[in-house]
Amino acid sequence: DRAAMQATTRDFLREAARAQVAVVY
């Protein structure tokens, strides 16, 4: 749902700052 999707996306973006390759599907 909206809350979970926004939270999950934000957590991913926070962690992906240290990734070399980021994939979003």
mmCIF file of all heavy atoms, coordinates in Angstrom:
data_MODEL
# 
_entry.id   MODEL 
# 
loop_
_atom_site.group_PDB 
_atom_site.id 
_atom_site.type_symbol 
_atom_site.label_atom_id 
_atom_site.label_alt_id 
_atom_site.label_comp_id 
_atom_site.label_asym_id 
_atom_site.label_entity_id 
_atom_site.label_seq_id 
_atom_site.pdbx_PDB_ins_code 
_atom_site.Cartn_x 
_atom_site.Cartn_y 
_atom_site.Cartn_z 
_atom_site.occupancy 
_atom_site.B_iso_or_equiv 
_atom_site.pdbx_formal_charge 
_atom_site.auth_seq_id 
_atom_site.auth_comp_id 
_atom_site.auth_asym_id 
_atom_site.auth_atom_id 
_atom_site.pdbx_PDB_model_num 
ATOM 1   N N   . ASP A 1 1  ? 0.843  -1.185 0.000   1.00 0.00 ? 1  ASP A N   1 
ATOM 2   C CA  . ASP A 1 1  ? 0.000  0.000  0.000   1.00 0.00 ? 1  ASP A CA  1 
ATOM 3   C C   . ASP A 1 1  ? 0.883  1.242  0.000   1.00 0.00 ? 1  ASP A C   1 
ATOM 4   O O   . ASP A 1 1  ? 2.116  1.141  -0.055  1.00 0.00 ? 1  ASP A O   1 
ATOM 5   C CB  . ASP A 1 1  ? -0.987 -0.018 1.175   1.00 0.00 ? 1  ASP A CB  1 
ATOM 6   C CG  . ASP A 1 1  ? -0.290 0.067  2.531   1.00 0.00 ? 1  ASP A CG  1 
ATOM 7   O OD1 . ASP A 1 1  ? 0.932  0.334  2.579   1.00 0.00 ? 1  ASP A OD1 1 
ATOM 8   O OD2 . ASP A 1 1  ? -0.971 -0.128 3.551   1.00 0.00 ? 1  ASP A OD2 1 
ATOM 9   N N   . ARG A 1 2  ? 0.237  2.409  0.041   1.00 0.00 ? 2  ARG A N   1 
ATOM 10  C CA  . ARG A 1 2  ? 0.995  3.653  -0.091  1.00 0.00 ? 2  ARG A CA  1 
ATOM 11  C C   . ARG A 1 2  ? 2.099  3.773  0.960   1.00 0.00 ? 2  ARG A C   1 
ATOM 12  O O   . ARG A 1 2  ? 3.257  4.038  0.634   1.00 0.00 ? 2  ARG A O   1 
ATOM 13  C CB  . ARG A 1 2  ? 0.039  4.846  0.018   1.00 0.00 ? 2  ARG A CB  1 
ATOM 14  C CG  . ARG A 1 2  ? 0.754  6.177  0.082   1.00 0.00 ? 2  ARG A CG  1 
ATOM 15  C CD  . ARG A 1 2  ? -0.185 7.272  0.573   1.00 0.00 ? 2  ARG A CD  1 
ATOM 16  N NE  . ARG A 1 2  ? 0.522  8.511  0.783   1.00 0.00 ? 2  ARG A NE  1 
ATOM 17  C CZ  . ARG A 1 2  ? 0.021  9.558  1.418   1.00 0.00 ? 2  ARG A CZ  1 
ATOM 18  N NH1 . ARG A 1 2  ? -1.203 9.507  1.889   1.00 0.00 ? 2  ARG A NH1 1 
ATOM 19  N NH2 . ARG A 1 2  ? 0.728  10.655 1.572   1.00 0.00 ? 2  ARG A NH2 1 
ATOM 20  N N   . ALA A 1 3  ? 1.752  3.573  2.233   1.00 0.00 ? 3  ALA A N   1 
ATOM 21  C CA  . ALA A 1 3  ? 2.733  3.760  3.292   1.00 0.00 ? 3  ALA A CA  1 
ATOM 22  C C   . ALA A 1 3  ? 3.902  2.793  3.147   1.00 0.00 ? 3  ALA A C   1 
ATOM 23  O O   . ALA A 1 3  ? 5.069  3.165  3.283   1.00 0.00 ? 3  ALA A O   1 
ATOM 24  C CB  . ALA A 1 3  ? 2.067  3.594  4.660   1.00 0.00 ? 3  ALA A CB  1 
ATOM 25  N N   . ALA A 1 4  ? 3.587  1.524  2.881   1.00 0.00 ? 4  ALA A N   1 
ATOM 26  C CA  . ALA A 1 4  ? 4.647  0.525  2.760   1.00 0.00 ? 4  ALA A CA  1 
ATOM 27  C C   . ALA A 1 4  ? 5.503  0.763  1.529   1.00 0.00 ? 4  ALA A C   1 
ATOM 28  O O   . ALA A 1 4  ? 6.725  0.597  1.561   1.00 0.00 ? 4  ALA A O   1 
ATOM 29  C CB  . ALA A 1 4  ? 4.039  -0.877 2.719   1.00 0.00 ? 4  ALA A CB  1 
ATOM 30  N N   . MET A 1 5  ? 4.857  1.158  0.428   1.00 0.00 ? 5  MET A N   1 
ATOM 31  C CA  . MET A 1 5  ? 5.616  1.362  -0.811  1.00 0.00 ? 5  MET A CA  1 
ATOM 32  C C   . MET A 1 5  ? 6.550  2.555  -0.687  1.00 0.00 ? 5  MET A C   1 
ATOM 33  O O   . MET A 1 5  ? 7.719  2.490  -1.091  1.00 0.00 ? 5  MET A O   1 
ATOM 34  C CB  . MET A 1 5  ? 4.658  1.548  -1.982  1.00 0.00 ? 5  MET A CB  1 
ATOM 35  C CG  . MET A 1 5  ? 5.335  1.539  -3.344  1.00 0.00 ? 5  MET A CG  1 
ATOM 36  S SD  . MET A 1 5  ? 4.099  1.429  -4.649  1.00 0.00 ? 5  MET A SD  1 
ATOM 37  C CE  . MET A 1 5  ? 5.132  1.685  -6.091  1.00 0.00 ? 5  MET A CE  1 
ATOM 38  N N   . GLN A 1 6  ? 6.058  3.643  -0.117  1.00 0.00 ? 6  GLN A N   1 
ATOM 39  C CA  . GLN A 1 6  ? 6.911  4.814  0.055   1.00 0.00 ? 6  GLN A CA  1 
ATOM 40  C C   . GLN A 1 6  ? 8.034  4.530  1.044   1.00 0.00 ? 6  GLN A C   1 
ATOM 41  O O   . GLN A 1 6  ? 9.183  4.924  0.828   1.00 0.00 ? 6  GLN A O   1 
ATOM 42  C CB  . GLN A 1 6  ? 6.069  6.006  0.488   1.00 0.00 ? 6  GLN A CB  1 
ATOM 43  C CG  . GLN A 1 6  ? 5.137  6.513  -0.613  1.00 0.00 ? 6  GLN A CG  1 
ATOM 44  C CD  . GLN A 1 6  ? 4.341  7.725  -0.210  1.00 0.00 ? 6  GLN A CD  1 
ATOM 45  O OE1 . GLN A 1 6  ? 4.152  8.003  0.977   1.00 0.00 ? 6  GLN A OE1 1 
ATOM 46  N NE2 . GLN A 1 6  ? 3.847  8.470  -1.185  1.00 0.00 ? 6  GLN A NE2 1 
ATOM 47  N N   . ALA A 1 7  ? 7.728  3.828  2.137   1.00 0.00 ? 7  ALA A N   1 
ATOM 48  C CA  . ALA A 1 7  ? 8.758  3.510  3.123   1.00 0.00 ? 7  ALA A CA  1 
ATOM 49  C C   . ALA A 1 7  ? 9.809  2.568  2.548   1.00 0.00 ? 7  ALA A C   1 
ATOM 50  O O   . ALA A 1 7  ? 11.012 2.743  2.761   1.00 0.00 ? 7  ALA A O   1 
ATOM 51  C CB  . ALA A 1 7  ? 8.114  2.890  4.366   1.00 0.00 ? 7  ALA A CB  1 
ATOM 52  N N   . THR A 1 8  ? 9.354  1.550  1.811   1.00 0.00 ? 8  THR A N   1 
ATOM 53  C CA  . THR A 1 8  ? 10.293 0.595  1.223   1.00 0.00 ? 8  THR A CA  1 
ATOM 54  C C   . THR A 1 8  ? 11.189 1.278  0.196   1.00 0.00 ? 8  THR A C   1 
ATOM 55  O O   . THR A 1 8  ? 12.403 1.023  0.152   1.00 0.00 ? 8  THR A O   1 
ATOM 56  C CB  . THR A 1 8  ? 9.509  -0.556 0.556   1.00 0.00 ? 8  THR A CB  1 
ATOM 57  O OG1 . THR A 1 8  ? 8.679  -1.187 1.531   1.00 0.00 ? 8  THR A OG1 1 
ATOM 58  C CG2 . THR A 1 8  ? 10.452 -1.579 -0.039  1.00 0.00 ? 8  THR A CG2 1 
ATOM 59  N N   . THR A 1 9  ? 10.599 2.141  -0.610  1.00 0.00 ? 9  THR A N   1 
ATOM 60  C CA  . THR A 1 9  ? 11.383 2.867  -1.607  1.00 0.00 ? 9  THR A CA  1 
ATOM 61  C C   . THR A 1 9  ? 12.404 3.766  -0.940  1.00 0.00 ? 9  THR A C   1 
ATOM 62  O O   . THR A 1 9  ? 13.570 3.836  -1.347  1.00 0.00 ? 9  THR A O   1 
ATOM 63  C CB  . THR A 1 9  ? 10.455 3.692  -2.515  1.00 0.00 ? 9  THR A CB  1 
ATOM 64  O OG1 . THR A 1 9  ? 9.522  2.816  -3.148  1.00 0.00 ? 9  THR A OG1 1 
ATOM 65  C CG2 . THR A 1 9  ? 11.256 4.432  -3.575  1.00 0.00 ? 9  THR A CG2 1 
ATOM 66  N N   . ARG A 1 10 ? 11.997 4.459  0.114   1.00 0.00 ? 10 ARG A N   1 
ATOM 67  C CA  . ARG A 1 10 ? 12.919 5.360  0.803   1.00 0.00 ? 10 ARG A CA  1 
ATOM 68  C C   . ARG A 1 10 ? 14.052 4.585  1.462   1.00 0.00 ? 10 ARG A C   1 
ATOM 69  O O   . ARG A 1 10 ? 15.213 5.010  1.426   1.00 0.00 ? 10 ARG A O   1 
ATOM 70  C CB  . ARG A 1 10 ? 12.149 6.190  1.832   1.00 0.00 ? 10 ARG A CB  1 
ATOM 71  C CG  . ARG A 1 10 ? 11.145 7.159  1.220   1.00 0.00 ? 10 ARG A CG  1 
ATOM 72  C CD  . ARG A 1 10 ? 10.306 7.826  2.291   1.00 0.00 ? 10 ARG A CD  1 
ATOM 73  N NE  . ARG A 1 10 ? 11.119 8.739  3.082   1.00 0.00 ? 10 ARG A NE  1 
ATOM 74  C CZ  . ARG A 1 10 ? 11.429 9.985  2.700   1.00 0.00 ? 10 ARG A CZ  1 
ATOM 75  N NH1 . ARG A 1 10 ? 10.979 10.451 1.554   1.00 0.00 ? 10 ARG A NH1 1 
ATOM 76  N NH2 . ARG A 1 10 ? 12.169 10.753 3.458   1.00 0.00 ? 10 ARG A NH2 1 
ATOM 77  N N   . ASP A 1 11 ? 13.734 3.446  2.088   1.00 0.00 ? 11 ASP A N   1 
ATOM 78  C CA  . ASP A 1 11 ? 14.799 2.641  2.699   1.00 0.00 ? 11 ASP A CA  1 
ATOM 79  C C   . ASP A 1 11 ? 15.789 2.164  1.644   1.00 0.00 ? 11 ASP A C   1 
ATOM 80  O O   . ASP A 1 11 ? 17.008 2.148  1.860   1.00 0.00 ? 11 ASP A O   1 
ATOM 81  C CB  . ASP A 1 11 ? 14.198 1.438  3.435   1.00 0.00 ? 11 ASP A CB  1 
ATOM 82  C CG  . ASP A 1 11 ? 13.568 1.834  4.768   1.00 0.00 ? 11 ASP A CG  1 
ATOM 83  O OD1 . ASP A 1 11 ? 13.668 3.019  5.140   1.00 0.00 ? 11 ASP A OD1 1 
ATOM 84  O OD2 . ASP A 1 11 ? 12.980 0.959  5.425   1.00 0.00 ? 11 ASP A OD2 1 
ATOM 85  N N   . PHE A 1 12 ? 15.260 1.762  0.495   1.00 0.00 ? 12 PHE A N   1 
ATOM 86  C CA  . PHE A 1 12 ? 16.140 1.321  -0.590  1.00 0.00 ? 12 PHE A CA  1 
ATOM 87  C C   . PHE A 1 12 ? 17.046 2.461  -1.055  1.00 0.00 ? 12 PHE A C   1 
ATOM 88  O O   . PHE A 1 12 ? 18.258 2.284  -1.209  1.00 0.00 ? 12 PHE A O   1 
ATOM 89  C CB  . PHE A 1 12 ? 15.306 0.811  -1.761  1.00 0.00 ? 12 PHE A CB  1 
ATOM 90  C CG  . PHE A 1 12 ? 16.102 0.584  -3.021  1.00 0.00 ? 12 PHE A CG  1 
ATOM 91  C CD1 . PHE A 1 12 ? 16.900 -0.528 -3.165  1.00 0.00 ? 12 PHE A CD1 1 
ATOM 92  C CD2 . PHE A 1 12 ? 16.067 1.516  -4.058  1.00 0.00 ? 12 PHE A CD2 1 
ATOM 93  C CE1 . PHE A 1 12 ? 17.653 -0.732 -4.317  1.00 0.00 ? 12 PHE A CE1 1 
ATOM 94  C CE2 . PHE A 1 12 ? 16.807 1.329  -5.203  1.00 0.00 ? 12 PHE A CE2 1 
ATOM 95  C CZ  . PHE A 1 12 ? 17.604 0.199  -5.339  1.00 0.00 ? 12 PHE A CZ  1 
ATOM 96  N N   . LEU A 1 13 ? 16.473 3.626  -1.285  1.00 0.00 ? 13 LEU A N   1 
ATOM 97  C CA  . LEU A 1 13 ? 17.276 4.759  -1.756  1.00 0.00 ? 13 LEU A CA  1 
ATOM 98  C C   . LEU A 1 13 ? 18.328 5.143  -0.720  1.00 0.00 ? 13 LEU A C   1 
ATOM 99  O O   . LEU A 1 13 ? 19.439 5.532  -1.072  1.00 0.00 ? 13 LEU A O   1 
ATOM 100 C CB  . LEU A 1 13 ? 16.375 5.958  -2.056  1.00 0.00 ? 13 LEU A CB  1 
ATOM 101 C CG  . LEU A 1 13 ? 15.434 5.808  -3.257  1.00 0.00 ? 13 LEU A CG  1 
ATOM 102 C CD1 . LEU A 1 13 ? 14.525 7.022  -3.373  1.00 0.00 ? 13 LEU A CD1 1 
ATOM 103 C CD2 . LEU A 1 13 ? 16.230 5.620  -4.545  1.00 0.00 ? 13 LEU A CD2 1 
ATOM 104 N N   . ARG A 1 14 ? 17.978 5.028  0.551   1.00 0.00 ? 14 ARG A N   1 
ATOM 105 C CA  . ARG A 1 14 ? 18.948 5.344  1.601   1.00 0.00 ? 14 ARG A CA  1 
ATOM 106 C C   . ARG A 1 14 ? 20.136 4.396  1.535   1.00 0.00 ? 14 ARG A C   1 
ATOM 107 O O   . ARG A 1 14 ? 21.289 4.808  1.593   1.00 0.00 ? 14 ARG A O   1 
ATOM 108 C CB  . ARG A 1 14 ? 18.258 5.270  2.963   1.00 0.00 ? 14 ARG A CB  1 
ATOM 109 C CG  . ARG A 1 14 ? 19.126 5.728  4.118   1.00 0.00 ? 14 ARG A CG  1 
ATOM 110 C CD  . ARG A 1 14 ? 18.403 5.529  5.454   1.00 0.00 ? 14 ARG A CD  1 
ATOM 111 N NE  . ARG A 1 14 ? 17.315 6.490  5.609   1.00 0.00 ? 14 ARG A NE  1 
ATOM 112 C CZ  . ARG A 1 14 ? 16.026 6.187  5.574   1.00 0.00 ? 14 ARG A CZ  1 
ATOM 113 N NH1 . ARG A 1 14 ? 15.651 4.930  5.337   1.00 0.00 ? 14 ARG A NH1 1 
ATOM 114 N NH2 . ARG A 1 14 ? 15.107 7.106  5.757   1.00 0.00 ? 14 ARG A NH2 1 
ATOM 115 N N   . GLU A 1 15 ? 19.857 3.111  1.403   1.00 0.00 ? 15 GLU A N   1 
ATOM 116 C CA  . GLU A 1 15 ? 20.940 2.125  1.376   1.00 0.00 ? 15 GLU A CA  1 
ATOM 117 C C   . GLU A 1 15 ? 21.692 2.129  0.050   1.00 0.00 ? 15 GLU A C   1 
ATOM 118 O O   . GLU A 1 15 ? 22.889 1.873  0.008   1.00 0.00 ? 15 GLU A O   1 
ATOM 119 C CB  . GLU A 1 15 ? 20.364 0.728  1.640   1.00 0.00 ? 15 GLU A CB  1 
ATOM 120 C CG  . GLU A 1 15 ? 19.725 0.551  3.003   1.00 0.00 ? 15 GLU A CG  1 
ATOM 121 C CD  . GLU A 1 15 ? 20.715 0.737  4.141   1.00 0.00 ? 15 GLU A CD  1 
ATOM 122 O OE1 . GLU A 1 15 ? 21.919 0.493  3.930   1.00 0.00 ? 15 GLU A OE1 1 
ATOM 123 O OE2 . GLU A 1 15 ? 20.289 1.146  5.229   1.00 0.00 ? 15 GLU A OE2 1 
ATOM 124 N N   . ALA A 1 16 ? 20.990 2.430  -1.044  1.00 0.00 ? 16 ALA A N   1 
ATOM 125 C CA  . ALA A 1 16 ? 21.620 2.369  -2.364  1.00 0.00 ? 16 ALA A CA  1 
ATOM 126 C C   . ALA A 1 16 ? 22.669 3.444  -2.571  1.00 0.00 ? 16 ALA A C   1 
ATOM 127 O O   . ALA A 1 16 ? 23.410 3.399  -3.556  1.00 0.00 ? 16 ALA A O   1 
ATOM 128 C CB  . ALA A 1 16 ? 20.550 2.485  -3.456  1.00 0.00 ? 16 ALA A CB  1 
ATOM 129 N N   . ALA A 1 17 ? 22.752 4.410  -1.655  1.00 0.00 ? 17 ALA A N   1 
ATOM 130 C CA  . ALA A 1 17 ? 23.789 5.439  -1.770  1.00 0.00 ? 17 ALA A CA  1 
ATOM 131 C C   . ALA A 1 17 ? 25.179 4.820  -1.800  1.00 0.00 ? 17 ALA A C   1 
ATOM 132 O O   . ALA A 1 17 ? 26.117 5.414  -2.338  1.00 0.00 ? 17 ALA A O   1 
ATOM 133 C CB  . ALA A 1 17 ? 23.684 6.430  -0.609  1.00 0.00 ? 17 ALA A CB  1 
ATOM 134 N N   . ARG A 1 18 ? 25.325 3.631  -1.227  1.00 0.00 ? 18 ARG A N   1 
ATOM 135 C CA  . ARG A 1 18 ? 26.641 2.979  -1.189  1.00 0.00 ? 18 ARG A CA  1 
ATOM 136 C C   . ARG A 1 18 ? 26.781 1.874  -2.221  1.00 0.00 ? 18 ARG A C   1 
ATOM 137 O O   . ARG A 1 18 ? 27.762 1.128  -2.219  1.00 0.00 ? 18 ARG A O   1 
ATOM 138 C CB  . ARG A 1 18 ? 26.892 2.431  0.220   1.00 0.00 ? 18 ARG A CB  1 
ATOM 139 C CG  . ARG A 1 18 ? 27.041 3.529  1.260   1.00 0.00 ? 18 ARG A CG  1 
ATOM 140 C CD  . ARG A 1 18 ? 27.299 2.987  2.651   1.00 0.00 ? 18 ARG A CD  1 
ATOM 141 N NE  . ARG A 1 18 ? 26.135 2.292  3.194   1.00 0.00 ? 18 ARG A NE  1 
ATOM 142 C CZ  . ARG A 1 18 ? 25.090 2.922  3.740   1.00 0.00 ? 18 ARG A CZ  1 
ATOM 143 N NH1 . ARG A 1 18 ? 25.068 4.231  3.792   1.00 0.00 ? 18 ARG A NH1 1 
ATOM 144 N NH2 . ARG A 1 18 ? 24.081 2.240  4.232   1.00 0.00 ? 18 ARG A NH2 1 
ATOM 145 N N   . ALA A 1 19 ? 25.792 1.737  -3.095  1.00 0.00 ? 19 ALA A N   1 
ATOM 146 C CA  . ALA A 1 19 ? 25.846 0.680  -4.112  1.00 0.00 ? 19 ALA A CA  1 
ATOM 147 C C   . ALA A 1 19 ? 26.544 1.176  -5.371  1.00 0.00 ? 19 ALA A C   1 
ATOM 148 O O   . ALA A 1 19 ? 26.537 2.362  -5.692  1.00 0.00 ? 19 ALA A O   1 
ATOM 149 C CB  . ALA A 1 19 ? 24.441 0.207  -4.449  1.00 0.00 ? 19 ALA A CB  1 
ATOM 150 N N   . GLN A 1 20 ? 27.139 0.270  -6.094  1.00 0.00 ? 20 GLN A N   1 
ATOM 151 C CA  . GLN A 1 20 ? 27.794 0.590  -7.361  1.00 0.00 ? 20 GLN A CA  1 
ATOM 152 C C   . GLN A 1 20 ? 26.805 0.492  -8.515  1.00 0.00 ? 20 GLN A C   1 
ATOM 153 O O   . GLN A 1 20 ? 26.865 1.260  -9.472  1.00 0.00 ? 20 GLN A O   1 
ATOM 154 C CB  . GLN A 1 20 ? 28.970 -0.352 -7.601  1.00 0.00 ? 20 GLN A CB  1 
ATOM 155 C CG  . GLN A 1 20 ? 29.752 -0.055 -8.871  1.00 0.00 ? 20 GLN A CG  1 
ATOM 156 C CD  . GLN A 1 20 ? 30.903 -1.015 -9.065  1.00 0.00 ? 20 GLN A CD  1 
ATOM 157 O OE1 . GLN A 1 20 ? 30.949 -2.070 -8.443  1.00 0.00 ? 20 GLN A OE1 1 
ATOM 158 N NE2 . GLN A 1 20 ? 31.835 -0.658 -9.919  1.00 0.00 ? 20 GLN A NE2 1 
ATOM 159 N N   . VAL A 1 21 ? 25.898 -0.471 -8.443  1.00 0.00 ? 21 VAL A N   1 
ATOM 160 C CA  . VAL A 1 21 ? 24.847 -0.643 -9.438  1.00 0.00 ? 21 VAL A CA  1 
ATOM 161 C C   . VAL A 1 21 ? 23.527 -0.739 -8.694  1.00 0.00 ? 21 VAL A C   1 
ATOM 162 O O   . VAL A 1 21 ? 23.408 -1.489 -7.715  1.00 0.00 ? 21 VAL A O   1 
ATOM 163 C CB  . VAL A 1 21 ? 25.053 -1.911 -10.288 1.00 0.00 ? 21 VAL A CB  1 
ATOM 164 C CG1 . VAL A 1 21 ? 23.912 -2.085 -11.291 1.00 0.00 ? 21 VAL A CG1 1 
ATOM 165 C CG2 . VAL A 1 21 ? 26.387 -1.866 -11.020 1.00 0.00 ? 21 VAL A CG2 1 
ATOM 166 N N   . ALA A 1 22 ? 22.540 0.038  -9.136  1.00 0.00 ? 22 ALA A N   1 
ATOM 167 C CA  . ALA A 1 22 ? 21.212 0.001  -8.519  1.00 0.00 ? 22 ALA A CA  1 
ATOM 168 C C   . ALA A 1 22 ? 20.186 -0.322 -9.589  1.00 0.00 ? 22 ALA A C   1 
ATOM 169 O O   . ALA A 1 22 ? 20.140 0.318  -10.637 1.00 0.00 ? 22 ALA A O   1 
ATOM 170 C CB  . ALA A 1 22 ? 20.889 1.333  -7.855  1.00 0.00 ? 22 ALA A CB  1 
ATOM 171 N N   . VAL A 1 23 ? 19.371 -1.345 -9.326  1.00 0.00 ? 23 VAL A N   1 
ATOM 172 C CA  . VAL A 1 23 ? 18.294 -1.749 -10.235 1.00 0.00 ? 23 VAL A CA  1 
ATOM 173 C C   . VAL A 1 23 ? 16.962 -1.554 -9.518  1.00 0.00 ? 23 VAL A C   1 
ATOM 174 O O   . VAL A 1 23 ? 16.814 -1.942 -8.352  1.00 0.00 ? 23 VAL A O   1 
ATOM 175 C CB  . VAL A 1 23 ? 18.444 -3.222 -10.673 1.00 0.00 ? 23 VAL A CB  1 
ATOM 176 C CG1 . VAL A 1 23 ? 17.221 -3.682 -11.460 1.00 0.00 ? 23 VAL A CG1 1 
ATOM 177 C CG2 . VAL A 1 23 ? 19.709 -3.403 -11.516 1.00 0.00 ? 23 VAL A CG2 1 
ATOM 178 N N   . VAL A 1 24 ? 16.008 -0.941 -10.204 1.00 0.00 ? 24 VAL A N   1 
ATOM 179 C CA  . VAL A 1 24 ? 14.643 -0.814 -9.688  1.00 0.00 ? 24 VAL A CA  1 
ATOM 180 C C   . VAL A 1 24 ? 13.716 -1.500 -10.684 1.00 0.00 ? 24 VAL A C   1 
ATOM 181 O O   . VAL A 1 24 ? 13.723 -1.168 -11.872 1.00 0.00 ? 24 VAL A O   1 
ATOM 182 C CB  . VAL A 1 24 ? 14.231 0.655  -9.507  1.00 0.00 ? 24 VAL A CB  1 
ATOM 183 C CG1 . VAL A 1 24 ? 12.760 0.742  -9.082  1.00 0.00 ? 24 VAL A CG1 1 
ATOM 184 C CG2 . VAL A 1 24 ? 15.119 1.340  -8.473  1.00 0.00 ? 24 VAL A CG2 1 
ATOM 185 N N   . TYR A 1 25 ? 12.926 -2.466 -10.188 1.00 0.00 ? 25 TYR A N   1 
ATOM 186 C CA  . TYR A 1 25 ? 11.945 -3.152 -11.031 1.00 0.00 ? 25 TYR A CA  1 
ATOM 187 C C   . TYR A 1 25 ? 10.578 -2.972 -10.399 1.00 0.00 ? 25 TYR A C   1 
ATOM 188 O O   . TYR A 1 25 ? 10.392 -3.191 -9.187  1.00 0.00 ? 25 TYR A O   1 
ATOM 189 C CB  . TYR A 1 25 ? 12.269 -4.647 -11.147 1.00 0.00 ? 25 TYR A CB  1 
ATOM 190 C CG  . TYR A 1 25 ? 11.156 -5.457 -11.783 1.00 0.00 ? 25 TYR A CG  1 
ATOM 191 C CD1 . TYR A 1 25 ? 11.093 -5.625 -13.162 1.00 0.00 ? 25 TYR A CD1 1 
ATOM 192 C CD2 . TYR A 1 25 ? 10.153 -6.026 -10.989 1.00 0.00 ? 25 TYR A CD2 1 
ATOM 193 C CE1 . TYR A 1 25 ? 10.054 -6.347 -13.740 1.00 0.00 ? 25 TYR A CE1 1 
ATOM 194 C CE2 . TYR A 1 25 ? 9.116  -6.744 -11.560 1.00 0.00 ? 25 TYR A CE2 1 
ATOM 195 C CZ  . TYR A 1 25 ? 9.070  -6.901 -12.942 1.00 0.00 ? 25 TYR A CZ  1 
ATOM 196 O OH  . TYR A 1 25 ? 8.040  -7.605 -13.506 1.00 0.00 ? 25 TYR A OH  1 
# 
